[in-house]
């Protein structure tokens, strides 16, 4: 029990705890952290300023902060077989900003995945800093397979001669062949960077190829499938280490968030265990069970299924709903997803033609294949029958299912 919390905050906190306990979380970028990570995020590390890096701080009293951060750097290097690691970025977006600044000058060309094909805002979208500072050229996916088209990427690379080729996505459901990206980058003398924010936990668990073996720089978030504090991290070859560190601090950030770093380090430690490897395997098994069940029910899946933690369902043409409408209906029954653009989407991002589902969070709660098949049943029923009595019945089913897999039952507000 935490005392002396402002009543308005406390009331919202109680409601949010209840929401998390009683909803099925299918947002692919969300997860539930361990008790240890949660406690470190709210620990006394919050009190310490530590501008700079271990043994090179601009504040005194950092000797024990140095121990934690140095340990985290070594864990990150070990976990991902990296030559260098910077665990200070406050977010994945700031990690990307730092990586760009380490490799590029304003106006330089970058080849990356378009937003509708599965890319991210920080991969050159015109309203984002990345699209405003750099000249992005976009590759899409093959219109028939909805998978990465390396022939198109190579054609665009030779046509535009970008200084950087970027791989990685926020809504792509297949294994990414980093070796092919590296080969194309080498043919034109470009840098190769990977944003592995979504798949970092799968890479750590050994169920997805490791981009660190191929890329000059790899950025990631430390939450999502990695199941740590909300934040970012940069991995790179030694030759870029000094440049990256200087760009992160003092280039784009001031003092690091040492409480968040404590949670990152704990998550990296957890990711080296066999339990985490088993978790990563189950994430994929669960995503495939959900995808196959939805496909058997007649839903059209982007790229015809999944090989990772994400499932993208097209809803506009197949069942006459926008992604926004489908998201709202599912939230009514207690299933949380997000609307999502699909390749060559004709809808605006605010509506979208698809929804994105993910297995990481509910796998953490203990869901296996049978539970995800049940979730597919509820999704089908809700999206095909919006009647109030049916949605009410399905909401009760979700609540009963969640009761079997509680989270944070030691927390009392």
Protein backbone atom coordinates (compact mmCIF):
# COMPACT_ATOMS: atom_id res chain seq x y z
CA UNK A 1 0.00 0.00 0.00
CA UNK A 2 1.41 3.38 -1.04
CA UNK A 3 0.41 6.18 1.33
CA UNK A 4 -0.29 9.85 0.76
CA UNK A 5 -1.11 9.65 -2.95
CA UNK A 6 -3.32 12.51 -4.13
CA UNK A 7 -6.89 11.19 -4.16
CA UNK A 8 -7.51 12.08 -7.80
CA UNK A 9 -4.38 10.20 -8.84
CA UNK A 10 -5.21 7.31 -6.51
CA UNK A 11 -8.71 6.90 -7.93
CA UNK A 12 -7.35 6.75 -11.47
CA UNK A 13 -4.62 4.35 -10.35
CA UNK A 14 -7.18 1.98 -8.85
CA UNK A 15 -9.26 2.08 -12.01
CA UNK A 16 -6.22 1.43 -14.19
CA UNK A 17 -5.19 -1.56 -12.07
CA UNK A 18 -8.71 -2.95 -12.42
CA UNK A 19 -8.65 -2.31 -16.18
CA UNK A 20 -5.39 -4.19 -16.58
CA UNK A 21 -6.65 -7.07 -14.43
CA UNK A 22 -9.94 -7.46 -16.31
CA UNK A 23 -8.94 -6.84 -19.94
CA UNK A 24 -7.18 -9.01 -22.49
CA UNK A 25 -4.19 -6.99 -23.68
CA UNK A 26 -3.43 -7.64 -27.34
CA UNK A 27 -1.54 -4.47 -28.20
CA UNK A 28 1.62 -5.90 -29.74
CA UNK A 29 3.91 -3.28 -28.21
CA UNK A 30 2.70 -3.72 -24.61
CA UNK A 31 3.67 -6.15 -21.89
CA UNK A 32 3.65 -6.72 -18.13
CA UNK A 33 6.97 -6.20 -16.38
CA UNK A 34 8.17 -8.34 -13.49
CA UNK A 35 7.75 -7.25 -9.88
CA UNK A 36 11.49 -6.54 -9.77
CA UNK A 37 11.37 -4.23 -12.80
CA UNK A 38 8.30 -2.48 -11.40
CA UNK A 39 10.02 -1.88 -8.06
CA UNK A 40 13.22 -0.59 -9.65
CA UNK A 41 11.23 1.89 -11.74
CA UNK A 42 9.90 3.38 -8.49
CA UNK A 43 13.09 2.99 -6.49
CA UNK A 44 15.51 5.46 -4.90
CA UNK A 45 17.41 5.52 -8.20
CA UNK A 46 14.82 8.14 -9.14
CA UNK A 47 16.62 10.61 -6.88
CA UNK A 48 20.00 10.60 -8.62
CA UNK A 49 21.33 12.82 -11.37
CA UNK A 50 24.12 11.16 -13.35
CA UNK A 51 24.95 13.13 -16.49
CA UNK A 52 27.70 11.43 -18.43
CA UNK A 53 28.75 7.78 -18.45
CA UNK A 54 30.17 5.34 -15.88
CA UNK A 55 33.41 6.73 -14.39
CA UNK A 56 32.94 9.90 -16.49
CA UNK A 57 30.10 11.73 -14.74
CA UNK A 58 29.42 15.44 -14.35
CA UNK A 59 27.94 14.88 -10.89
CA UNK A 60 29.40 13.42 -7.71
CA UNK A 61 28.02 10.48 -5.79
CA UNK A 62 27.58 8.24 -8.83
CA UNK A 63 29.76 5.28 -7.84
CA UNK A 64 26.83 2.90 -7.27
CA UNK A 65 24.88 4.23 -10.23
CA UNK A 66 28.00 3.42 -12.26
CA UNK A 67 27.92 -0.16 -11.00
CA UNK A 68 24.34 -0.67 -12.19
CA UNK A 69 24.78 0.99 -15.57
CA UNK A 70 28.10 -0.76 -16.27
CA UNK A 71 26.50 -4.09 -15.42
CA UNK A 72 23.63 -3.32 -17.80
CA UNK A 73 26.02 -2.48 -20.63
CA UNK A 74 27.81 -5.80 -20.18
CA UNK A 75 24.51 -7.70 -20.06
CA UNK A 76 23.27 -6.02 -23.25
CA UNK A 77 26.50 -6.82 -25.08
CA UNK A 78 26.35 -10.44 -23.93
CA UNK A 79 22.66 -10.91 -24.68
CA UNK A 80 22.83 -9.56 -28.24
CA UNK A 81 26.47 -10.33 -29.07
CA UNK A 82 27.16 -6.61 -29.49
CA UNK A 83 30.50 -4.83 -29.46
CA UNK A 84 29.05 -1.69 -27.88
CA UNK A 85 25.88 -0.79 -25.97
CA UNK A 86 24.38 2.49 -24.82
CA UNK A 87 21.44 1.95 -22.46
CA UNK A 88 20.67 5.61 -21.73
CA UNK A 89 18.12 6.62 -24.44
CA UNK A 90 14.84 7.65 -22.86
CA UNK A 91 12.83 6.01 -25.66
CA UNK A 92 13.09 4.14 -28.92
CA UNK A 93 12.42 7.37 -30.79
CA UNK A 94 15.37 9.06 -29.09
CA UNK A 95 17.53 6.03 -29.81
CA UNK A 96 16.63 6.42 -33.49
CA UNK A 97 17.31 10.15 -33.38
CA UNK A 98 20.76 9.50 -31.93
CA UNK A 99 21.54 6.77 -34.45
CA UNK A 100 20.61 9.02 -37.37
CA UNK A 101 22.76 11.84 -36.02
CA UNK A 102 25.69 9.47 -35.61
CA UNK A 103 25.55 8.42 -39.26
CA UNK A 104 23.89 11.23 -41.21
CA UNK A 105 23.83 14.92 -41.98
CA UNK A 106 20.52 16.78 -42.47
CA UNK A 107 19.19 16.16 -45.97
CA UNK A 108 20.94 12.80 -46.42
CA UNK A 109 18.96 10.06 -48.13
CA UNK A 110 17.58 7.11 -46.19
CA UNK A 111 15.77 4.07 -47.57
CA UNK A 112 13.16 2.69 -45.15
CA UNK A 113 9.83 0.87 -44.93
CA UNK A 114 6.75 3.03 -45.48
CA UNK A 115 4.27 3.52 -42.66
CA UNK A 116 1.42 1.65 -44.36
CA UNK A 117 3.71 -1.29 -45.14
CA UNK A 118 4.63 -1.63 -41.48
CA UNK A 119 7.22 1.05 -40.77
CA UNK A 120 7.31 3.49 -37.85
CA UNK A 121 6.79 7.24 -37.50
CA UNK A 122 10.50 7.69 -36.82
CA UNK A 123 11.34 5.90 -40.07
CA UNK A 124 10.75 9.05 -42.11
CA UNK A 125 7.06 9.92 -41.75
CA UNK A 126 6.61 13.50 -42.94
CA UNK A 127 5.20 14.90 -39.68
CA UNK A 128 7.98 13.31 -37.59
CA UNK A 129 11.43 14.82 -36.96
CA UNK A 130 12.97 12.08 -39.09
CA UNK A 131 10.98 13.01 -42.19
CA UNK A 132 11.65 16.69 -41.64
CA UNK A 133 15.42 16.40 -41.18
CA UNK A 134 16.33 13.69 -43.67
CA UNK A 135 15.35 12.72 -47.21
CA UNK A 136 13.53 9.39 -46.90
CA UNK A 137 12.73 7.10 -49.79
CA UNK A 138 10.27 4.34 -48.96
CA UNK A 139 10.05 0.69 -49.90
CA UNK A 140 6.75 -1.10 -49.53
CA UNK A 141 5.93 -4.82 -49.64
CA UNK A 142 5.06 -7.12 -52.51
CA UNK A 143 1.38 -6.46 -53.37
CA UNK A 144 0.66 -10.19 -53.70
CA UNK A 145 2.55 -11.68 -50.77
CA UNK A 146 2.58 -8.55 -48.55
CA UNK A 147 6.13 -9.48 -47.59
CA UNK A 148 9.36 -7.50 -47.98
CA UNK A 149 10.33 -7.29 -51.65
CA UNK A 150 14.12 -7.35 -51.85
CA UNK A 151 14.13 -6.83 -55.62
CA UNK A 152 12.33 -3.53 -55.09
CA UNK A 153 14.67 -2.56 -52.28
CA UNK A 154 17.73 -3.24 -54.41
CA UNK A 155 16.23 -1.29 -57.33
CA UNK A 156 15.50 1.71 -55.10
CA UNK A 157 18.93 1.47 -53.51
CA UNK A 158 20.73 1.67 -56.87
CA UNK A 159 18.38 4.37 -58.14
CA UNK A 160 18.64 6.72 -55.15
CA UNK A 161 21.99 5.75 -53.58
CA UNK A 162 20.88 6.38 -49.97
CA UNK A 163 23.51 6.92 -47.31
CA UNK A 164 21.58 4.65 -44.95
CA UNK A 165 19.30 1.63 -45.41
CA UNK A 166 16.93 1.03 -42.50
CA UNK A 167 15.19 -2.24 -41.64
CA UNK A 168 12.71 -2.95 -38.88
CA UNK A 169 9.01 -2.36 -38.42
CA UNK A 170 6.17 -1.73 -36.02
CA UNK A 171 3.65 -3.93 -37.81
CA UNK A 172 5.33 -6.59 -39.93
CA UNK A 173 4.51 -10.21 -39.25
CA UNK A 174 7.30 -12.15 -40.95
CA UNK A 175 10.93 -12.96 -40.16
CA UNK A 176 13.21 -10.21 -41.51
CA UNK A 177 16.20 -11.35 -43.54
CA UNK A 178 18.90 -8.99 -42.26
CA UNK A 179 21.61 -10.69 -44.29
CA UNK A 180 19.93 -9.64 -47.55
CA UNK A 181 19.64 -6.05 -46.34
CA UNK A 182 23.35 -6.05 -45.47
CA UNK A 183 24.26 -7.36 -48.91
CA UNK A 184 22.28 -4.61 -50.65
CA UNK A 185 23.79 -1.92 -48.40
CA UNK A 186 27.29 -3.20 -49.18
CA UNK A 187 26.62 -3.09 -52.93
CA UNK A 188 26.03 0.68 -52.81
CA UNK A 189 28.33 1.51 -49.89
CA UNK A 190 25.50 2.48 -47.52
CA UNK A 191 25.26 2.18 -43.77
CA UNK A 192 22.83 -0.45 -42.53
CA UNK A 193 20.70 0.19 -39.45
CA UNK A 194 18.00 -1.93 -37.81
CA UNK A 195 15.22 -0.80 -35.48
CA UNK A 196 14.38 -4.03 -33.65
CA UNK A 197 12.08 -2.44 -31.05
CA UNK A 198 9.26 -4.93 -31.60
CA UNK A 199 11.32 -8.09 -31.87
CA UNK A 200 14.12 -7.46 -29.34
CA UNK A 201 12.71 -9.99 -26.88
CA UNK A 202 12.36 -12.58 -29.63
CA UNK A 203 15.97 -11.98 -30.66
CA UNK A 204 17.07 -12.25 -27.02
CA UNK A 205 15.10 -15.47 -26.66
CA UNK A 206 16.74 -16.99 -29.74
CA UNK A 207 13.58 -17.29 -31.84
CA UNK A 208 14.36 -14.53 -34.36
CA UNK A 209 17.60 -13.83 -36.28
CA UNK A 210 19.90 -11.33 -34.56
CA UNK A 211 20.35 -8.08 -36.54
CA UNK A 212 23.40 -7.10 -34.47
CA UNK A 213 25.40 -9.63 -36.49
CA UNK A 214 24.70 -7.67 -39.69
CA UNK A 215 23.93 -4.02 -38.93
CA UNK A 216 26.24 -1.12 -38.21
CA UNK A 217 23.79 0.18 -35.59
CA UNK A 218 20.77 -1.48 -33.98
CA UNK A 219 18.23 0.48 -31.96
CA UNK A 220 15.48 -0.88 -29.76
CA UNK A 221 13.02 -0.13 -27.05
CA UNK A 222 13.48 -2.01 -23.80
CA UNK A 223 9.81 -2.74 -23.08
CA UNK A 224 7.63 -4.53 -25.67
CA UNK A 225 8.83 -8.14 -26.08
CA UNK A 226 11.96 -7.46 -23.99
CA UNK A 227 9.66 -6.87 -21.00
CA UNK A 228 11.65 -4.14 -19.26
CA UNK A 229 11.34 -0.46 -18.39
CA UNK A 230 9.91 1.87 -20.98
CA UNK A 231 13.00 3.24 -22.68
CA UNK A 232 15.51 2.77 -25.46
CA UNK A 233 18.91 1.24 -26.18
CA UNK A 234 21.52 1.38 -28.95
CA UNK A 235 23.82 -1.48 -29.94
CA UNK A 236 26.62 -1.01 -32.44
CA UNK A 237 30.00 -1.96 -33.76
CA UNK A 238 32.97 -0.53 -31.80
CA UNK A 239 33.85 1.93 -34.55
CA UNK A 240 30.64 3.88 -33.91
CA UNK A 241 30.79 3.74 -30.11
CA UNK A 242 32.29 7.17 -29.38
CA UNK A 243 30.06 8.92 -31.91
CA UNK A 244 26.91 7.28 -30.55
CA UNK A 245 27.75 8.02 -26.93
CA UNK A 246 28.49 11.66 -27.75
CA UNK A 247 25.24 12.04 -29.67
CA UNK A 248 23.15 10.52 -26.87
CA UNK A 249 24.85 12.69 -24.25
CA UNK A 250 25.23 15.61 -24.52
CA UNK A 251 23.84 15.56 -28.05
CA UNK A 252 20.15 14.78 -27.59
CA UNK A 253 19.75 14.10 -23.85
CA UNK A 254 20.80 15.41 -20.47
CA UNK A 255 20.68 13.29 -17.35
CA UNK A 256 19.79 9.63 -17.84
CA UNK A 257 16.74 8.23 -16.02
CA UNK A 258 18.58 5.96 -13.63
CA UNK A 259 15.41 4.40 -12.19
CA UNK A 260 14.38 3.38 -15.71
CA UNK A 261 17.91 2.14 -16.36
CA UNK A 262 17.65 0.01 -13.22
CA UNK A 263 14.55 -1.63 -14.69
CA UNK A 264 16.27 -2.06 -18.05
CA UNK A 265 19.21 -3.82 -16.42
CA UNK A 266 16.90 -6.14 -14.48
CA UNK A 267 15.06 -7.02 -17.69
CA UNK A 268 18.34 -7.75 -19.48
CA UNK A 269 19.29 -10.05 -16.61
CA UNK A 270 15.93 -11.83 -16.82
CA UNK A 271 16.28 -12.18 -20.60
CA UNK A 272 19.40 -14.32 -20.14
CA UNK A 273 17.44 -17.02 -18.29
CA UNK A 274 15.90 -20.21 -19.63
CA UNK A 275 12.50 -19.02 -18.43
CA UNK A 276 12.73 -16.07 -20.79
CA UNK A 277 13.76 -18.29 -23.70
CA UNK A 278 10.71 -20.46 -23.00
CA UNK A 279 8.58 -17.31 -22.88
CA UNK A 280 9.85 -16.12 -26.28
CA UNK A 281 9.02 -19.49 -27.84
CA UNK A 282 5.53 -19.38 -26.35
CA UNK A 283 4.95 -15.86 -27.67
CA UNK A 284 5.34 -17.15 -31.21
CA UNK A 285 3.31 -20.32 -30.60
CA UNK A 286 0.49 -18.19 -29.20
CA UNK A 287 0.59 -15.68 -32.05
CA UNK A 288 0.40 -18.52 -34.56
CA UNK A 289 -2.51 -20.12 -32.70
CA UNK A 290 -4.37 -16.81 -32.75
CA UNK A 291 -3.57 -16.21 -36.43
CA UNK A 292 -4.54 -19.70 -37.58
CA UNK A 293 -7.78 -19.62 -35.62
CA UNK A 294 -8.78 -16.23 -37.08
CA UNK A 295 -7.83 -17.40 -40.58
CA UNK A 296 -9.95 -20.53 -40.17
CA UNK A 297 -12.86 -18.28 -39.25
CA UNK A 298 -12.55 -16.42 -42.54
CA UNK A 299 -10.56 -13.33 -41.54
CA UNK A 300 -7.96 -12.09 -44.01
CA UNK A 301 -4.54 -11.77 -42.41
CA UNK A 302 -1.85 -9.54 -43.84
CA UNK A 303 0.95 -11.70 -45.30
CA UNK A 304 -1.32 -14.69 -44.67
CA UNK A 305 -0.23 -15.20 -41.07
CA UNK A 306 2.64 -14.58 -38.69
CA UNK A 307 6.15 -15.74 -37.86
CA UNK A 308 6.61 -13.46 -34.86
CA UNK A 309 4.45 -11.92 -32.11
CA UNK A 310 2.16 -9.84 -34.32
CA UNK A 311 -1.02 -10.54 -36.28
CA UNK A 312 -2.48 -7.94 -38.66
CA UNK A 313 -6.14 -8.44 -39.55
CA UNK A 314 -7.74 -6.67 -42.52
CA UNK A 315 -11.30 -5.66 -41.54
CA UNK A 316 -12.46 -2.99 -44.01
CA UNK A 317 -13.13 -5.09 -47.10
CA UNK A 318 -13.70 -8.41 -45.36
CA UNK A 319 -16.25 -7.43 -42.69
CA UNK A 320 -17.10 -3.81 -43.52
CA UNK A 321 -15.51 -2.15 -40.48
CA UNK A 322 -12.71 0.38 -40.26
CA UNK A 323 -9.87 -0.46 -37.92
CA UNK A 324 -11.09 2.28 -35.59
CA UNK A 325 -14.58 0.75 -35.43
CA UNK A 326 -13.20 -2.73 -34.81
CA UNK A 327 -10.92 -1.42 -32.06
CA UNK A 328 -13.89 0.27 -30.34
CA UNK A 329 -16.11 -2.82 -30.52
CA UNK A 330 -13.41 -5.07 -29.09
CA UNK A 331 -12.66 -2.65 -26.28
CA UNK A 332 -16.35 -2.86 -25.35
CA UNK A 333 -15.89 -6.55 -24.57
CA UNK A 334 -12.54 -6.01 -22.85
CA UNK A 335 -10.11 -6.92 -25.65
CA UNK A 336 -7.57 -4.16 -26.27
CA UNK A 337 -6.11 -3.86 -29.78
CA UNK A 338 -5.11 -0.94 -31.97
CA UNK A 339 -6.31 0.17 -35.37
CA UNK A 340 -3.55 -0.27 -37.91
CA UNK A 341 -2.84 0.62 -41.51
CA UNK A 342 -2.38 -2.23 -43.95
CA UNK A 343 -0.23 -2.29 -47.09
CA UNK A 344 -1.56 0.12 -49.72
CA UNK A 345 -4.26 1.26 -47.30
CA UNK A 346 -6.85 3.63 -48.77
CA UNK A 347 -8.04 4.73 -45.33
CA UNK A 348 -6.37 7.50 -43.35
CA UNK A 349 -4.26 6.41 -40.35
CA UNK A 350 -6.92 7.74 -37.95
CA UNK A 351 -9.36 5.13 -39.28
CA UNK A 352 -7.17 2.49 -40.99
CA UNK A 353 -8.34 -0.72 -42.63
CA UNK A 354 -6.86 -3.18 -40.17
CA UNK A 355 -6.24 -4.01 -36.56
CA UNK A 356 -2.97 -5.13 -34.99
CA UNK A 357 -2.96 -7.94 -32.43
CA UNK A 358 -0.04 -9.23 -30.40
CA UNK A 359 0.68 -12.13 -28.06
CA UNK A 360 3.46 -10.86 -25.70
CA UNK A 361 1.41 -9.44 -22.83
CA UNK A 362 -1.07 -12.29 -22.42
CA UNK A 363 1.73 -14.82 -22.80
CA UNK A 364 3.34 -13.15 -19.78
CA UNK A 365 0.07 -13.63 -17.91
CA UNK A 366 0.14 -17.34 -18.69
CA UNK A 367 -2.04 -17.72 -21.79
CA UNK A 368 -1.20 -20.70 -23.98
CA UNK A 369 -2.58 -21.75 -27.37
CA UNK A 370 -5.99 -22.83 -26.04
CA UNK A 371 -6.61 -19.41 -24.48
CA UNK A 372 -5.65 -17.61 -27.68
CA UNK A 373 -8.01 -19.81 -29.67
CA UNK A 374 -10.74 -18.79 -27.22
CA UNK A 375 -9.77 -15.14 -27.76
CA UNK A 376 -10.20 -15.65 -31.51
CA UNK A 377 -13.71 -16.99 -30.86
CA UNK A 378 -14.59 -13.87 -28.87
CA UNK A 379 -13.13 -11.57 -31.53
CA UNK A 380 -15.14 -13.24 -34.26
CA UNK A 381 -18.37 -13.08 -32.28
CA UNK A 382 -17.90 -9.42 -31.30
CA UNK A 383 -17.02 -8.17 -34.77
CA UNK A 384 -19.84 -10.08 -36.45
CA UNK A 385 -22.57 -9.40 -33.90
CA UNK A 386 -22.54 -5.95 -32.30
CA UNK A 387 -25.83 -6.42 -30.46
CA UNK A 388 -25.66 -5.16 -26.89
CA UNK A 389 -26.69 -8.48 -25.34
CA UNK A 390 -23.99 -10.36 -27.27
CA UNK A 391 -21.28 -7.83 -26.37
CA UNK A 392 -22.36 -8.00 -22.72
CA UNK A 393 -22.12 -11.80 -22.75
CA UNK A 394 -18.67 -11.66 -24.33
CA UNK A 395 -17.52 -9.08 -21.77
CA UNK A 396 -18.39 -11.53 -19.00
CA UNK A 397 -16.44 -14.27 -20.79
CA UNK A 398 -13.38 -12.02 -20.95
CA UNK A 399 -13.64 -11.17 -17.25
CA UNK A 400 -13.88 -14.84 -16.28
CA UNK A 401 -10.91 -15.72 -18.48
CA UNK A 402 -8.81 -12.91 -16.96
CA UNK A 403 -9.62 -14.08 -13.42
CA UNK A 404 -7.75 -17.30 -14.15
CA UNK A 405 -4.58 -15.35 -15.01
CA UNK A 406 -4.25 -12.48 -12.51
CA UNK A 407 -1.49 -9.89 -12.58
CA UNK A 408 0.10 -7.98 -9.71
CA UNK A 409 -2.24 -9.55 -7.16
CA UNK A 410 0.16 -8.31 -4.46
CA UNK A 411 -0.57 -4.65 -5.34
CA UNK A 412 -3.13 -2.90 -3.15
CA UNK A 413 -4.15 0.72 -3.66
